[in-house]
Amino acid sequence: MNGPWTAGLQIRGLDSTPIADFLCGRCGAHKRVTGRTEVAKFTSTNPAADHAKRCTPTVGAA
């Protein structure tokens, strides 16, 4: 995927094969899931809150 990425949860392709991406703006972690069932499960788990439990920030670290 080209272009600048924005941190957070992004979902696209709802009219065909859904794709959900989560990008952490603090540590750069990325997770992608594809398929209607997988996207529904992924979004129901609140990926941002789930990731925050184990996030190790690297942005701005000295």
PDB file of N, CA and C in Angstrom:
ATOM      1  N   MET A   1       0.843  -1.167   0.000  1.00  0.00           N
ATOM      2  CA  MET A   1       0.000   0.000   0.000  1.00  0.00           C
ATOM      3  C   MET A   1       0.891   1.234   0.000  1.00  0.00           C
ATOM      4  N   ASN A   2       0.605   2.147  -0.881  1.00  0.00           N
ATOM      5  CA  ASN A   2       1.422   3.346  -1.018  1.00  0.00           C
ATOM      6  C   ASN A   2       0.823   4.522  -0.271  1.00  0.00           C
ATOM      7  N   GLY A   3       1.625   5.549  -0.130  1.00  0.00           N
ATOM      8  CA  GLY A   3       1.143   6.782   0.480  1.00  0.00           C
ATOM      9  C   GLY A   3       1.384   6.822   1.970  1.00  0.00           C
ATOM     10  N   PRO A   4       1.109   7.974   2.553  1.00  0.00           N
ATOM     11  CA  PRO A   4       1.311   8.117   3.999  1.00  0.00           C
ATOM     12  C   PRO A   4       0.275   7.311   4.784  1.00  0.00           C
ATOM     13  N   TRP A   5       0.720   6.733   5.843  1.00  0.00           N
ATOM     14  CA  TRP A   5      -0.165   5.966   6.713  1.00  0.00           C
ATOM     15  C   TRP A   5      -0.589   6.842   7.873  1.00  0.00           C
ATOM     16  N   THR A   6      -1.802   6.657   8.310  1.00  0.00           N
ATOM     17  CA  THR A   6      -2.326   7.355   9.471  1.00  0.00           C
ATOM     18  C   THR A   6      -2.519   6.325  10.569  1.00  0.00           C
ATOM     19  N   ALA A   7      -2.041   6.632  11.759  1.00  0.00           N
ATOM     20  CA  ALA A   7      -2.177   5.687  12.871  1.00  0.00           C
ATOM     21  C   ALA A   7      -3.648   5.472  13.198  1.00  0.00           C
ATOM     22  N   GLY A   8      -3.951   4.285  13.674  1.00  0.00           N
ATOM     23  CA  GLY A   8      -5.312   3.945  14.063  1.00  0.00           C
ATOM     24  C   GLY A   8      -5.845   2.774  13.273  1.00  0.00           C
ATOM     25  N   LEU A   9      -7.132   2.586  13.324  1.00  0.00           N
ATOM     26  CA  LEU A   9      -7.809   1.491  12.638  1.00  0.00           C
ATOM     27  C   LEU A   9      -8.412   2.001  11.341  1.00  0.00           C
ATOM     28  N   GLN A  10      -8.105   1.319  10.254  1.00  0.00           N
ATOM     29  CA  GLN A  10      -8.656   1.684   8.951  1.00  0.00           C
ATOM     30  C   GLN A  10      -9.264   0.444   8.322  1.00  0.00           C
ATOM     31  N   ILE A  11     -10.483   0.583   7.817  1.00  0.00           N
ATOM     32  CA  ILE A  11     -11.177  -0.529   7.180  1.00  0.00           C
ATOM     33  C   ILE A  11     -11.557  -0.094   5.779  1.00  0.00           C
ATOM     34  N   ARG A  12     -11.310  -0.960   4.814  1.00  0.00           N
ATOM     35  CA  ARG A  12     -11.656  -0.645   3.429  1.00  0.00           C
ATOM     36  C   ARG A  12     -12.120  -1.917   2.721  1.00  0.00           C
ATOM     37  N   GLY A  13     -12.675  -1.747   1.539  1.00  0.00           N
ATOM     38  CA  GLY A  13     -13.102  -2.880   0.736  1.00  0.00           C
ATOM     39  C   GLY A  13     -14.403  -3.507   1.192  1.00  0.00           C
ATOM     40  N   LEU A  14     -15.279  -2.741   1.800  1.00  0.00           N
ATOM     41  CA  LEU A  14     -16.515  -3.315   2.330  1.00  0.00           C
ATOM     42  C   LEU A  14     -17.442  -3.846   1.244  1.00  0.00           C
ATOM     43  N   ASP A  15     -17.285  -3.383  -0.003  1.00  0.00           N
ATOM     44  CA  ASP A  15     -18.131  -3.879  -1.071  1.00  0.00           C
ATOM     45  C   ASP A  15     -17.587  -5.161  -1.715  1.00  0.00           C
ATOM     46  N   SER A  16     -16.365  -5.543  -1.391  1.00  0.00           N
ATOM     47  CA  SER A  16     -15.790  -6.783  -1.911  1.00  0.00           C
ATOM     48  C   SER A  16     -15.189  -7.565  -0.759  1.00  0.00           C
ATOM     49  N   THR A  17     -13.879  -7.666  -0.688  1.00  0.00           N
ATOM     50  CA  THR A  17     -13.209  -8.348   0.418  1.00  0.00           C
ATOM     51  C   THR A  17     -12.729  -7.303   1.418  1.00  0.00           C
ATOM     52  N   PRO A  18     -13.319  -7.260   2.611  1.00  0.00           N
ATOM     53  CA  PRO A  18     -12.902  -6.268   3.606  1.00  0.00           C
ATOM     54  C   PRO A  18     -11.469  -6.500   4.091  1.00  0.00           C
ATOM     55  N   ILE A  19     -10.783  -5.399   4.320  1.00  0.00           N
ATOM     56  CA  ILE A  19      -9.423  -5.421   4.860  1.00  0.00           C
ATOM     57  C   ILE A  19      -9.378  -4.414   6.000  1.00  0.00           C
ATOM     58  N   ALA A  20      -8.866  -4.843   7.150  1.00  0.00           N
ATOM     59  CA  ALA A  20      -8.706  -3.942   8.289  1.00  0.00           C
ATOM     60  C   ALA A  20      -7.230  -3.865   8.646  1.00  0.00           C
ATOM     61  N   ASP A  21      -6.748  -2.649   8.815  1.00  0.00           N
ATOM     62  CA  ASP A  21      -5.368  -2.403   9.230  1.00  0.00           C
ATOM     63  C   ASP A  21      -5.377  -1.619  10.529  1.00  0.00           C
ATOM     64  N   PHE A  22      -4.527  -2.027  11.463  1.00  0.00           N
ATOM     65  CA  PHE A  22      -4.303  -1.241  12.671  1.00  0.00           C
ATOM     66  C   PHE A  22      -2.833  -0.867  12.696  1.00  0.00           C
ATOM     67  N   LEU A  23      -2.555   0.429  12.833  1.00  0.00           N
ATOM     68  CA  LEU A  23      -1.185   0.925  12.925  1.00  0.00           C
ATOM     69  C   LEU A  23      -1.061   1.735  14.204  1.00  0.00           C
ATOM     70  N   CYS A  24      -0.112   1.370  15.055  1.00  0.00           N
ATOM     71  CA  CYS A  24       0.126   2.100  16.298  1.00  0.00           C
ATOM     72  C   CYS A  24       1.034   3.293  16.000  1.00  0.00           C
ATOM     73  N   GLY A  25       0.594   4.479  16.381  1.00  0.00           N
ATOM     74  CA  GLY A  25       1.377   5.684  16.159  1.00  0.00           C
ATOM     75  C   GLY A  25       2.510   5.863  17.148  1.00  0.00           C
ATOM     76  N   ARG A  26       2.525   5.071  18.204  1.00  0.00           N
ATOM     77  CA  ARG A  26       3.577   5.205  19.223  1.00  0.00           C
ATOM     78  C   ARG A  26       4.749   4.266  18.966  1.00  0.00           C
ATOM     79  N   CYS A  27       4.464   3.025  18.575  1.00  0.00           N
ATOM     80  CA  CYS A  27       5.556   2.063  18.404  1.00  0.00           C
ATOM     81  C   CYS A  27       5.694   1.559  16.977  1.00  0.00           C
ATOM     82  N   GLY A  28       4.719   1.850  16.118  1.00  0.00           N
ATOM     83  CA  GLY A  28       4.811   1.441  14.721  1.00  0.00           C
ATOM     84  C   GLY A  28       4.315   0.032  14.439  1.00  0.00           C
ATOM     85  N   ALA A  29       3.747  -0.633  15.423  1.00  0.00           N
ATOM     86  CA  ALA A  29       3.233  -1.988  15.207  1.00  0.00           C
ATOM     87  C   ALA A  29       2.090  -1.955  14.200  1.00  0.00           C
ATOM     88  N   HIS A  30       2.023  -2.970  13.370  1.00  0.00           N
ATOM     89  CA  HIS A  30       0.995  -3.041  12.329  1.00  0.00           C
ATOM     90  C   HIS A  30       0.386  -4.433  12.312  1.00  0.00           C
ATOM     91  N   LYS A  31      -0.933  -4.480  12.165  1.00  0.00           N
ATOM     92  CA  LYS A  31      -1.624  -5.754  12.010  1.00  0.00           C
ATOM     93  C   LYS A  31      -2.674  -5.587  10.926  1.00  0.00           C
ATOM     94  N   ARG A  32      -2.764  -6.578  10.036  1.00  0.00           N
ATOM     95  CA  ARG A  32      -3.754  -6.564   8.958  1.00  0.00           C
ATOM     96  C   ARG A  32      -4.529  -7.872   8.988  1.00  0.00           C
ATOM     97  N   VAL A  33      -5.842  -7.762   8.812  1.00  0.00           N
ATOM     98  CA  VAL A  33      -6.695  -8.938   8.660  1.00  0.00           C
ATOM     99  C   VAL A  33      -7.557  -8.734   7.423  1.00  0.00           C
ATOM    100  N   THR A  34      -7.893  -9.839   6.760  1.00  0.00           N
ATOM    101  CA  THR A  34      -8.727  -9.777   5.568  1.00  0.00           C
ATOM    102  C   THR A  34      -9.866 -10.768   5.687  1.00  0.00           C
ATOM    103  N   GLY A  35     -10.944 -10.471   5.017  1.00  0.00           N
ATOM    104  CA  GLY A  35     -12.120 -11.332   5.039  1.00  0.00           C
ATOM    105  C   GLY A  35     -13.176 -10.798   5.990  1.00  0.00           C
ATOM    106  N   ARG A  36     -14.419 -10.962   5.594  1.00  0.00           N
ATOM    107  CA  ARG A  36     -15.536 -10.402   6.366  1.00  0.00           C
ATOM    108  C   ARG A  36     -15.554 -10.908   7.809  1.00  0.00           C
ATOM    109  N   THR A  37     -15.406 -12.213   8.014  1.00  0.00           N
ATOM    110  CA  THR A  37     -15.459 -12.783   9.361  1.00  0.00           C
ATOM    111  C   THR A  37     -14.276 -12.331  10.207  1.00  0.00           C
ATOM    112  N   GLU A  38     -13.084 -12.360   9.627  1.00  0.00           N
ATOM    113  CA  GLU A  38     -11.885 -11.957  10.371  1.00  0.00           C
ATOM    114  C   GLU A  38     -11.920 -10.475  10.750  1.00  0.00           C
ATOM    115  N   VAL A  39     -12.383  -9.628   9.845  1.00  0.00           N
ATOM    116  CA  VAL A  39     -12.481  -8.190  10.136  1.00  0.00           C
ATOM    117  C   VAL A  39     -13.503  -7.954  11.246  1.00  0.00           C
ATOM    118  N   ALA A  40     -14.624  -8.662  11.195  1.00  0.00           N
ATOM    119  CA  ALA A  40     -15.644  -8.505  12.246  1.00  0.00           C
ATOM    120  C   ALA A  40     -15.090  -8.921  13.605  1.00  0.00           C
ATOM    121  N   LYS A  41     -14.362 -10.038  13.661  1.00  0.00           N
ATOM    122  CA  LYS A  41     -13.762 -10.482  14.933  1.00  0.00           C
ATOM    123  C   LYS A  41     -12.712  -9.491  15.420  1.00  0.00           C
ATOM    124  N   PHE A  42     -11.866  -9.022  14.497  1.00  0.00           N
ATOM    125  CA  PHE A  42     -10.781  -8.100  14.837  1.00  0.00           C
ATOM    126  C   PHE A  42     -11.326  -6.791  15.402  1.00  0.00           C
ATOM    127  N   THR A  43     -12.323  -6.220  14.762  1.00  0.00           N
ATOM    128  CA  THR A  43     -12.867  -4.950  15.233  1.00  0.00           C
ATOM    129  C   THR A  43     -13.640  -5.106  16.536  1.00  0.00           C
ATOM    130  N   SER A  44     -14.224  -6.272  16.780  1.00  0.00           N
ATOM    131  CA  SER A  44     -14.972  -6.469  18.030  1.00  0.00           C
ATOM    132  C   SER A  44     -14.051  -6.575  19.242  1.00  0.00           C
ATOM    133  N   THR A  45     -12.766  -6.839  19.020  1.00  0.00           N
ATOM    134  CA  THR A  45     -11.815  -6.954  20.135  1.00  0.00           C
ATOM    135  C   THR A  45     -11.208  -5.623  20.536  1.00  0.00           C
ATOM    136  N   ASN A  46     -11.560  -4.519  19.832  1.00  0.00           N
ATOM    137  CA  ASN A  46     -11.005  -3.191  20.090  1.00  0.00           C
ATOM    138  C   ASN A  46      -9.472  -3.245  19.998  1.00  0.00           C
ATOM    139  N   PRO A  47      -8.944  -3.328  18.782  1.00  0.00           N
ATOM    140  CA  PRO A  47      -7.503  -3.515  18.601  1.00  0.00           C
ATOM    141  C   PRO A  47      -6.629  -2.446  19.252  1.00  0.00           C
ATOM    142  N   ALA A  48      -7.098  -1.206  19.318  1.00  0.00           N
ATOM    143  CA  ALA A  48      -6.283  -0.146  19.931  1.00  0.00           C
ATOM    144  C   ALA A  48      -6.110  -0.390  21.421  1.00  0.00           C
ATOM    145  N   ALA A  49      -7.177  -0.707  22.116  1.00  0.00           N
ATOM    146  CA  ALA A  49      -7.092  -0.970  23.557  1.00  0.00           C
ATOM    147  C   ALA A  49      -6.310  -2.246  23.833  1.00  0.00           C
ATOM    148  N   ASP A  50      -6.504  -3.252  22.998  1.00  0.00           N
ATOM    149  CA  ASP A  50      -5.789  -4.514  23.173  1.00  0.00           C
ATOM    150  C   ASP A  50      -4.284  -4.304  22.991  1.00  0.00           C
ATOM    151  N   HIS A  51      -3.897  -3.526  21.989  1.00  0.00           N
ATOM    152  CA  HIS A  51      -2.478  -3.271  21.744  1.00  0.00           C
ATOM    153  C   HIS A  51      -1.860  -2.391  22.830  1.00  0.00           C
ATOM    154  N   ALA A  52      -2.620  -1.442  23.360  1.00  0.00           N
ATOM    155  CA  ALA A  52      -2.099  -0.515  24.370  1.00  0.00           C
ATOM    156  C   ALA A  52      -1.563  -1.248  25.597  1.00  0.00           C
ATOM    157  N   LYS A  53      -2.077  -2.424  25.869  1.00  0.00           N
ATOM    158  CA  LYS A  53      -1.626  -3.214  27.029  1.00  0.00           C
ATOM    159  C   LYS A  53      -0.169  -3.643  26.900  1.00  0.00           C
ATOM    160  N   ARG A  54       0.308  -3.807  25.658  1.00  0.00           N
ATOM    161  CA  ARG A  54       1.667  -4.307  25.457  1.00  0.00           C
ATOM    162  C   ARG A  54       2.531  -3.401  24.577  1.00  0.00           C
ATOM    163  N   CYS A  55       2.079  -2.170  24.355  1.00  0.00           N
ATOM    164  CA  CYS A  55       2.807  -1.229  23.504  1.00  0.00           C
ATOM    165  C   CYS A  55       4.105  -0.780  24.170  1.00  0.00           C
ATOM    166  N   THR A  56       5.172  -0.783  23.387  1.00  0.00           N
ATOM    167  CA  THR A  56       6.454  -0.261  23.860  1.00  0.00           C
ATOM    168  C   THR A  56       6.863   0.871  22.919  1.00  0.00           C
ATOM    169  N   PRO A  57       6.569   2.121  23.307  1.00  0.00           N
ATOM    170  CA  PRO A  57       6.796   3.262  22.420  1.00  0.00           C
ATOM    171  C   PRO A  57       8.253   3.401  21.980  1.00  0.00           C
ATOM    172  N   THR A  58       8.423   3.686  20.692  1.00  0.00           N
ATOM    173  CA  THR A  58       9.754   3.937  20.150  1.00  0.00           C
ATOM    174  C   THR A  58       9.845   5.332  19.544  1.00  0.00           C
ATOM    175  N   VAL A  59       8.716   5.955  19.244  1.00  0.00           N
ATOM    176  CA  VAL A  59       8.707   7.285  18.651  1.00  0.00           C
ATOM    177  C   VAL A  59       9.134   8.303  19.692  1.00  0.00           C
ATOM    178  N   GLY A  60      10.122   9.087  19.370  1.00  0.00           N
ATOM    179  CA  GLY A  60      10.593  10.124  20.283  1.00  0.00           C
ATOM    180  C   GLY A  60      11.531   9.622  21.378  1.00  0.00           C
ATOM    181  N   ALA A  61      11.881   8.332  21.329  1.00  0.00           N
ATOM    182  CA  ALA A  61      12.793   7.788  22.345  1.00  0.00           C
ATOM    183  C   ALA A  61      14.202   8.309  22.089  1.00  0.00           C
ATOM    184  N   ALA A  62      14.904   8.628  23.128  1.00  0.00           N
ATOM    185  CA  ALA A  62      16.255   9.160  22.989  1.00  0.00           C
ATOM    186  C   ALA A  62      17.275   8.082  22.925  1.00  0.00           C
TER     187      ALA A  62
END
